[in-house]
N, C-alpha and C. Protein backbone atom coordinates (compact mmCIF):
# COMPACT_ATOMS: atom_id res chain seq x y z
N MET A 1 0.87 -1.16 0.16
CA MET A 1 0.11 0.17 -0.17
C MET A 1 1.59 1.46 0.33
N PRO A 2 0.69 1.65 -1.35
CA PRO A 2 1.82 3.19 -1.12
C PRO A 2 0.96 3.94 0.76
N VAL A 3 2.89 4.59 0.66
CA VAL A 3 2.56 5.81 1.84
C VAL A 3 2.62 6.62 0.90
N ARG A 4 2.09 8.54 1.75
CA ARG A 4 2.32 9.35 1.45
C ARG A 4 3.67 10.15 2.09
N VAL A 5 4.36 10.61 1.62
CA VAL A 5 5.41 11.18 1.75
C VAL A 5 5.96 12.36 1.65
N LEU A 6 6.61 13.15 2.61
CA LEU A 6 7.01 14.55 2.60
C LEU A 6 8.07 14.75 2.83
N ALA A 7 8.73 15.81 1.79
CA ALA A 7 9.86 15.51 1.53
C ALA A 7 10.68 17.49 1.64
N LEU A 8 11.98 17.52 2.18
CA LEU A 8 12.51 18.50 2.72
C LEU A 8 13.57 18.89 2.13
N ASP A 9 13.88 19.85 1.71
CA ASP A 9 15.04 20.34 1.19
C ASP A 9 14.88 21.57 2.14
N VAL A 10 16.42 21.45 3.54
CA VAL A 10 16.66 22.02 4.17
C VAL A 10 17.77 23.05 3.95
N GLY A 11 17.30 24.45 3.97
CA GLY A 11 18.56 25.06 3.37
C GLY A 11 19.11 25.93 5.03
N SER A 12 19.64 26.91 5.02
CA SER A 12 20.36 28.11 6.43
C SER A 12 18.88 28.58 6.39
N LYS A 13 18.12 29.44 5.68
CA LYS A 13 17.55 30.42 5.78
C LYS A 13 15.65 30.08 5.53
N ARG A 14 15.53 28.45 4.45
CA ARG A 14 14.39 27.94 3.68
C ARG A 14 13.99 27.13 4.23
N ILE A 15 13.38 26.33 3.86
CA ILE A 15 13.24 24.63 4.31
C ILE A 15 12.00 24.54 3.10
N GLY A 16 12.85 24.10 1.63
CA GLY A 16 11.56 23.33 1.12
C GLY A 16 10.98 22.26 1.35
N VAL A 17 9.43 22.64 0.75
CA VAL A 17 8.63 21.32 1.34
C VAL A 17 8.11 20.55 -0.07
N ALA A 18 7.91 19.15 -0.36
CA ALA A 18 7.09 18.73 -1.21
C ALA A 18 6.56 18.00 -0.83
N VAL A 19 5.71 17.04 -1.35
CA VAL A 19 4.74 15.92 -0.80
C VAL A 19 4.18 14.87 -2.00
N SER A 20 4.31 14.21 -1.72
CA SER A 20 3.81 12.57 -3.10
C SER A 20 2.44 12.79 -3.14
N ASP A 21 1.77 12.56 -3.99
CA ASP A 21 0.18 12.00 -4.78
C ASP A 21 0.27 10.96 -3.57
N PRO A 22 -1.30 10.67 -3.21
CA PRO A 22 -1.68 9.54 -2.54
C PRO A 22 -1.02 8.26 -3.05
N THR A 23 -0.82 7.76 -4.41
CA THR A 23 -0.41 7.24 -5.14
C THR A 23 1.09 6.67 -4.50
N GLY A 24 1.75 8.15 -4.05
CA GLY A 24 3.13 7.51 -3.67
C GLY A 24 4.04 7.26 -4.83
N PHE A 25 3.68 8.11 -6.24
CA PHE A 25 3.67 7.85 -7.61
C PHE A 25 4.58 9.15 -8.19
N LEU A 26 4.06 10.57 -7.77
CA LEU A 26 4.13 11.94 -8.68
C LEU A 26 4.70 12.22 -6.97
N ALA A 27 5.73 13.59 -7.06
CA ALA A 27 5.76 14.57 -6.14
C ALA A 27 5.31 16.06 -6.79
N ARG A 28 5.26 16.91 -5.44
CA ARG A 28 4.89 17.93 -6.15
C ARG A 28 4.93 19.04 -5.03
N SER A 29 5.70 20.27 -5.45
CA SER A 29 6.38 21.23 -4.71
C SER A 29 4.91 21.33 -3.90
N LEU A 30 5.38 22.32 -2.63
CA LEU A 30 4.27 22.13 -1.85
C LEU A 30 4.56 23.58 -1.41
N THR A 31 5.63 23.67 -0.26
CA THR A 31 5.61 25.23 0.03
C THR A 31 7.13 25.33 0.47
N VAL A 32 7.19 26.76 1.24
CA VAL A 32 9.23 27.12 1.73
C VAL A 32 8.84 27.94 2.90
N ILE A 33 9.21 26.85 3.70
CA ILE A 33 8.98 27.20 5.64
C ILE A 33 10.37 28.26 5.18
N GLU A 34 9.79 29.65 6.01
CA GLU A 34 10.90 30.36 5.90
C GLU A 34 11.57 30.24 7.90
N ARG A 35 12.83 30.21 7.74
CA ARG A 35 13.57 29.51 8.59
C ARG A 35 13.16 30.49 10.36
N ARG A 36 12.82 30.00 11.10
CA ARG A 36 12.78 30.65 12.28
C ARG A 36 13.33 30.22 13.77
N GLY A 37 13.99 28.92 13.48
CA GLY A 37 14.62 28.65 14.68
C GLY A 37 13.82 26.70 14.86
N LEU A 38 14.92 26.26 15.14
CA LEU A 38 14.40 24.34 15.45
C LEU A 38 13.51 24.02 15.89
N ARG A 39 13.23 24.69 16.72
CA ARG A 39 11.31 24.36 17.60
C ARG A 39 9.78 24.57 16.36
N SER A 40 10.69 26.08 15.89
CA SER A 40 9.73 26.28 15.18
C SER A 40 9.37 25.40 13.93
N ASP A 41 10.52 25.57 13.32
CA ASP A 41 10.79 24.50 12.00
C ASP A 41 9.82 23.33 12.36
N ILE A 42 10.43 23.06 13.72
CA ILE A 42 9.64 21.05 13.15
C ILE A 42 7.82 21.68 13.19
N GLU A 43 8.05 22.06 14.21
CA GLU A 43 6.45 22.85 14.97
C GLU A 43 5.64 22.70 13.05
N MET A 44 6.24 23.54 12.13
CA MET A 44 5.85 23.90 10.86
C MET A 44 5.51 22.32 9.86
N ILE A 45 6.78 21.93 10.29
CA ILE A 45 6.85 20.43 9.66
C ILE A 45 5.97 19.38 9.89
N ALA A 46 5.70 19.64 11.56
CA ALA A 46 4.16 18.83 12.09
C ALA A 46 3.08 19.07 11.31
N LYS A 47 3.13 20.22 11.26
CA LYS A 47 1.80 20.60 10.87
C LYS A 47 1.21 20.09 9.82
N LEU A 48 2.51 20.47 8.86
CA LEU A 48 2.29 19.56 7.51
C LEU A 48 1.96 18.65 7.21
N LEU A 49 3.17 17.66 7.91
CA LEU A 49 2.89 16.11 7.95
C LEU A 49 1.07 15.82 8.46
N ARG A 50 0.50 16.53 9.00
CA ARG A 50 -1.06 15.88 9.67
C ARG A 50 -1.87 16.63 8.72
N GLN A 51 -1.48 18.22 7.88
CA GLN A 51 -2.16 18.33 7.05
C GLN A 51 -2.52 17.61 5.81
N GLU A 52 -0.93 16.90 5.45
CA GLU A 52 -1.12 16.64 4.04
C GLU A 52 -1.05 14.61 4.43
N GLY A 53 -1.45 14.49 5.74
CA GLY A 53 -1.31 12.80 5.68
C GLY A 53 -1.11 12.07 5.77
N ALA A 54 0.68 13.04 5.40
CA ALA A 54 1.82 11.97 5.63
C ALA A 54 2.15 11.01 6.55
N GLU A 55 3.07 9.87 5.88
CA GLU A 55 3.40 9.10 7.05
C GLU A 55 4.93 8.75 7.30
N ARG A 56 5.37 9.50 6.02
CA ARG A 56 7.14 9.38 6.38
C ARG A 56 7.61 11.02 5.76
N VAL A 57 8.93 11.14 6.36
CA VAL A 57 9.71 12.57 5.82
C VAL A 57 11.20 11.77 5.70
N VAL A 58 11.16 12.62 4.18
CA VAL A 58 12.51 12.25 3.05
C VAL A 58 13.14 13.58 3.25
N VAL A 59 14.53 13.71 3.83
CA VAL A 59 14.90 14.81 4.36
C VAL A 59 16.31 14.66 3.32
N GLY A 60 16.84 15.83 2.13
CA GLY A 60 17.30 16.19 1.07
C GLY A 60 18.80 15.56 1.77
N LEU A 61 20.23 14.99 1.47
CA LEU A 61 21.12 15.08 2.29
C LEU A 61 22.19 15.52 1.32
N PRO A 62 22.68 16.60 1.44
CA PRO A 62 23.99 17.29 0.47
C PRO A 62 25.23 16.89 0.67
N LEU A 63 25.30 15.68 -0.23
CA LEU A 63 26.61 14.45 0.06
C LEU A 63 27.39 15.78 -0.81
N SER A 64 28.80 15.15 -0.85
CA SER A 64 29.95 15.96 -1.67
C SER A 64 29.99 15.29 -2.94
N LEU A 65 30.39 15.96 -4.12
CA LEU A 65 30.43 14.95 -5.36
C LEU A 65 30.70 13.78 -5.18
N SER A 66 32.01 13.35 -4.64
CA SER A 66 32.50 11.90 -4.24
C SER A 66 31.66 11.11 -3.24
N GLY A 67 30.40 11.81 -2.69
CA GLY A 67 29.46 10.83 -1.76
C GLY A 67 29.69 10.78 -0.56
N ASP A 68 31.11 11.78 -0.30
CA ASP A 68 31.43 11.70 1.47
C ASP A 68 30.40 12.55 2.24
N VAL A 69 30.25 12.39 3.53
CA VAL A 69 29.11 13.24 4.55
C VAL A 69 30.45 14.59 5.28
N GLY A 70 29.77 15.62 4.39
CA GLY A 70 30.93 17.00 4.75
C GLY A 70 30.68 17.57 5.17
N PRO A 71 30.73 18.37 6.20
CA PRO A 71 30.48 19.52 7.48
C PRO A 71 28.64 19.86 6.94
N GLN A 72 28.03 20.64 5.76
CA GLN A 72 26.46 20.77 5.68
C GLN A 72 25.70 19.53 5.94
N ALA A 73 26.41 18.06 5.46
CA ALA A 73 25.64 16.85 5.76
C ALA A 73 25.48 16.94 6.94
N LEU A 74 26.68 16.78 7.75
CA LEU A 74 26.57 16.62 9.45
C LEU A 74 25.60 17.58 9.58
N VAL A 75 25.26 18.98 9.57
CA VAL A 75 24.27 19.70 9.83
C VAL A 75 22.91 19.21 9.64
N ILE A 76 22.87 19.04 8.32
CA ILE A 76 21.21 17.84 7.94
C ILE A 76 20.87 16.69 8.99
N LEU A 77 22.19 16.08 8.78
CA LEU A 77 22.22 14.57 9.75
C LEU A 77 21.73 15.01 11.41
N GLU A 78 21.93 16.42 12.01
CA GLU A 78 21.71 16.74 12.82
C GLU A 78 20.07 17.02 13.07
N PHE A 79 19.78 17.68 11.79
CA PHE A 79 17.99 17.86 11.89
C PHE A 79 17.49 16.80 12.09
N LYS A 80 18.29 16.02 10.84
CA LYS A 80 17.34 14.67 10.88
C LYS A 80 16.76 14.17 12.36
N GLU A 81 18.37 13.81 13.23
CA GLU A 81 18.06 13.92 14.56
C GLU A 81 16.84 14.48 15.24
N ALA A 82 16.56 15.68 15.53
CA ALA A 82 15.84 16.24 16.07
C ALA A 82 14.37 16.23 15.61
N LEU A 83 14.16 15.67 13.98
CA LEU A 83 12.84 15.59 13.63
C LEU A 83 12.93 14.02 14.14
N ASP A 84 13.46 13.27 14.56
CA ASP A 84 13.32 11.93 15.07
C ASP A 84 12.77 11.69 16.15
N LYS A 85 13.36 12.39 17.01
CA LYS A 85 12.92 12.73 18.71
C LYS A 85 11.59 13.34 18.67
N VAL A 86 10.92 14.23 17.49
CA VAL A 86 9.84 14.76 17.91
C VAL A 86 8.50 13.98 16.91
N LEU A 87 9.03 13.74 15.98
CA LEU A 87 8.06 13.31 14.64
C LEU A 87 7.85 11.53 14.81
N ASP A 88 6.28 11.33 14.84
CA ASP A 88 5.94 10.14 15.36
C ASP A 88 5.68 9.31 13.98
N VAL A 89 6.87 9.56 12.87
CA VAL A 89 6.64 8.65 11.54
C VAL A 89 8.07 8.59 11.31
N SER A 90 8.65 7.84 10.28
CA SER A 90 10.16 7.74 9.86
C SER A 90 10.79 9.10 9.27
N VAL A 91 11.66 8.82 9.39
CA VAL A 91 12.31 10.23 9.06
C VAL A 91 13.89 9.69 8.09
N GLU A 92 13.85 9.58 6.74
CA GLU A 92 14.86 9.39 6.03
C GLU A 92 15.75 10.52 5.83
N THR A 93 16.66 9.87 5.16
CA THR A 93 17.37 10.62 3.96
C THR A 93 17.44 10.47 2.97
N TRP A 94 17.88 11.06 1.99
CA TRP A 94 18.11 11.17 0.41
C TRP A 94 19.13 11.99 -0.46
N ASP A 95 19.86 11.38 -1.31
CA ASP A 95 21.07 11.94 -1.94
C ASP A 95 20.07 13.22 -2.55
N GLU A 96 20.99 14.32 -2.58
CA GLU A 96 20.22 15.67 -2.83
C GLU A 96 21.12 16.05 -3.72
N ARG A 97 22.30 15.58 -4.26
CA ARG A 97 23.70 16.37 -4.67
C ARG A 97 22.78 17.27 -5.99
N PHE A 98 21.95 16.45 -7.13
CA PHE A 98 21.74 17.33 -8.33
C PHE A 98 20.51 17.92 -8.41
N SER A 99 19.86 18.01 -6.53
CA SER A 99 18.30 18.73 -6.84
C SER A 99 18.23 20.18 -6.85
N THR A 100 18.91 20.73 -6.27
CA THR A 100 19.42 22.37 -6.72
C THR A 100 18.99 22.47 -8.41
N VAL A 101 20.05 22.07 -9.20
CA VAL A 101 20.49 21.91 -10.27
C VAL A 101 19.01 21.69 -10.94
N GLY A 102 18.29 20.04 -10.74
CA GLY A 102 17.44 19.71 -11.43
C GLY A 102 16.14 20.80 -11.15
N ALA A 103 15.93 21.31 -10.33
CA ALA A 103 14.97 22.48 -10.17
C ALA A 103 14.51 23.93 -10.85
N GLN A 104 16.23 24.10 -10.87
CA GLN A 104 16.10 25.56 -12.32
C GLN A 104 16.01 24.65 -13.23
N GLU A 105 16.42 24.02 -13.63
CA GLU A 105 16.30 23.03 -15.37
C GLU A 105 14.52 22.75 -15.29
N ALA A 106 13.98 22.61 -14.23
CA ALA A 106 12.39 22.49 -14.38
C ALA A 106 11.81 23.31 -14.25
N LEU A 107 12.09 24.49 -13.31
CA LEU A 107 11.55 25.88 -13.20
C LEU A 107 12.06 26.37 -14.49
N ARG A 108 12.78 26.63 -15.25
CA ARG A 108 13.32 26.85 -16.18
C ARG A 108 12.89 26.61 -17.23
N SER A 109 12.22 25.74 -17.96
CA SER A 109 10.93 24.48 -18.55
C SER A 109 9.84 25.14 -18.51
N GLN A 110 9.44 25.55 -17.67
CA GLN A 110 8.18 26.11 -17.38
C GLN A 110 8.20 27.67 -17.84
N GLY A 111 9.22 28.46 -17.80
CA GLY A 111 9.49 29.41 -18.41
C GLY A 111 9.48 30.61 -16.81
N VAL A 112 9.90 29.59 -15.70
CA VAL A 112 10.17 30.99 -15.02
C VAL A 112 11.45 31.67 -14.70
N ARG A 113 11.61 32.69 -15.21
CA ARG A 113 12.75 33.62 -15.10
C ARG A 113 14.06 33.26 -13.90
N ALA A 114 14.49 33.72 -13.85
CA ALA A 114 15.79 32.85 -13.00
C ALA A 114 15.73 34.41 -12.10
N ARG A 115 15.50 35.77 -11.98
CA ARG A 115 14.65 36.40 -10.98
C ARG A 115 13.62 35.61 -9.90
N LYS A 116 12.53 35.39 -10.42
CA LYS A 116 11.13 34.79 -9.85
C LYS A 116 11.92 33.49 -9.42
N GLN A 117 12.68 32.87 -9.40
CA GLN A 117 13.11 31.42 -9.17
C GLN A 117 13.67 31.58 -7.44
N ARG A 118 13.81 32.61 -7.59
CA ARG A 118 14.37 32.31 -5.65
C ARG A 118 13.33 31.86 -4.59
N GLY A 119 12.25 32.25 -4.74
CA GLY A 119 11.14 32.10 -4.17
C GLY A 119 10.78 30.50 -3.93
N ARG A 120 10.69 30.08 -5.90
CA ARG A 120 9.69 28.73 -6.11
C ARG A 120 11.26 27.19 -5.87
N ILE A 121 12.70 28.11 -5.92
CA ILE A 121 13.24 27.08 -6.02
C ILE A 121 13.86 25.88 -4.82
N ASP A 122 13.28 26.03 -3.47
CA ASP A 122 13.56 25.40 -2.84
C ASP A 122 12.17 24.63 -2.27
N ALA A 123 11.29 24.95 -2.60
CA ALA A 123 10.09 23.76 -2.57
C ALA A 123 10.15 22.64 -4.41
N ALA A 124 10.78 23.55 -5.59
CA ALA A 124 10.68 22.33 -6.33
C ALA A 124 12.17 21.85 -6.37
N ALA A 125 13.44 21.99 -5.34
CA ALA A 125 14.29 20.99 -5.23
C ALA A 125 13.95 19.96 -4.12
N ALA A 126 12.94 20.28 -2.94
CA ALA A 126 12.39 19.20 -2.87
C ALA A 126 11.33 18.53 -3.33
N ALA A 127 10.87 18.81 -4.57
CA ALA A 127 9.93 17.94 -5.61
C ALA A 127 10.80 16.98 -6.55
N VAL A 128 11.93 17.38 -6.34
CA VAL A 128 13.55 16.31 -7.35
C VAL A 128 14.02 15.76 -6.19
N ILE A 129 14.23 16.02 -5.12
CA ILE A 129 14.40 15.04 -4.12
C ILE A 129 13.78 14.06 -3.90
N LEU A 130 11.94 14.52 -4.12
CA LEU A 130 11.32 13.69 -2.92
C LEU A 130 10.43 12.52 -4.92
N GLN A 131 10.92 12.55 -5.49
CA GLN A 131 10.83 12.21 -6.86
C GLN A 131 12.32 11.08 -6.96
N GLY A 132 12.93 11.67 -6.57
CA GLY A 132 13.90 10.56 -7.18
C GLY A 132 14.36 9.58 -5.76
N TYR A 133 13.87 9.77 -4.87
CA TYR A 133 13.41 9.00 -3.90
C TYR A 133 12.00 8.09 -3.79
N LEU A 134 11.25 8.59 -4.14
CA LEU A 134 9.61 7.42 -4.74
C LEU A 134 10.15 6.82 -6.18
N ASP A 135 11.48 6.92 -6.72
CA ASP A 135 11.09 6.77 -8.57
C ASP A 135 12.72 5.53 -7.96
N ALA A 136 13.01 5.47 -6.53
CA ALA A 136 13.98 4.54 -5.90
C ALA A 136 13.52 3.27 -5.45
N GLN A 137 11.81 3.26 -4.77
CA GLN A 137 11.51 2.45 -3.68
C GLN A 137 11.12 1.03 -4.60
N GLY A 138 10.81 1.25 -5.69
CA GLY A 138 10.46 -0.33 -6.77
C GLY A 138 9.15 -0.26 -7.52
N THR A 139 8.88 -0.98 -7.47
CA THR A 139 7.75 -0.67 -8.78
C THR A 139 7.10 -0.18 -8.29
N HIS A 140 6.01 0.44 -9.10
CA HIS A 140 4.72 1.31 -8.95
C HIS A 140 3.39 0.51 -9.42
N THR A 141 2.29 0.14 -9.29
CA THR A 141 1.22 -0.27 -9.94
C THR A 141 0.46 0.67 -10.59
N ASN A 142 0.05 0.36 -11.72
CA ASN A 142 -0.98 1.35 -12.73
C ASN A 142 -2.42 0.76 -12.29
N ALA A 143 -3.08 1.50 -12.91
CA ALA A 143 -4.73 1.63 -12.26
C ALA A 143 -5.12 0.07 -12.33
N GLY A 144 -4.47 -0.77 -13.63
CA GLY A 144 -4.58 -2.66 -13.72
C GLY A 144 -4.00 -3.28 -12.91
N GLY A 145 -3.32 -2.99 -11.76
CA GLY A 145 -2.81 -3.58 -11.29
C GLY A 145 -1.71 -4.18 -11.57
N GLU A 146 -0.94 -3.90 -12.57
CA GLU A 146 0.61 -4.24 -13.03
C GLU A 146 1.11 -3.56 -13.23
N ALA A 147 2.61 -4.06 -12.37
CA ALA A 147 3.56 -3.16 -12.54
C ALA A 147 4.31 -2.20 -13.74
N ARG A 148 4.83 -1.20 -13.41
CA ARG A 148 5.37 -0.51 -14.09
C ARG A 148 6.91 -0.94 -14.11
């Protein structure tokens, strides 16, 4: 049975948020949370979890190009641990190395100019992270019950 997933692209100023559709097949940008402190950030994430009926959180992990855990990834792992302590759903990390580039390309293909991307890029990056995660979760079934 598909699980609804919330994805986060955590930055120092904003957190981009995306959510999967009820089938667990497609990701869509949801919103951007302006960072106001760890407690407030987690409260907003918990509120979105409830509103969207999500049962899992995926946090983008910014690994280095070589796949190593660098300083920024350590910050994200600490954030994930804080979420683990408060939320009553599974919290996972997912490699986000190319999510911002993918998000910029997606917005550009939709005709969004570079100046206007700033406010939308974080949520779009979260959607790129989430779609990668969903795609890697294995087979999906179509309406006829056949695996794709």
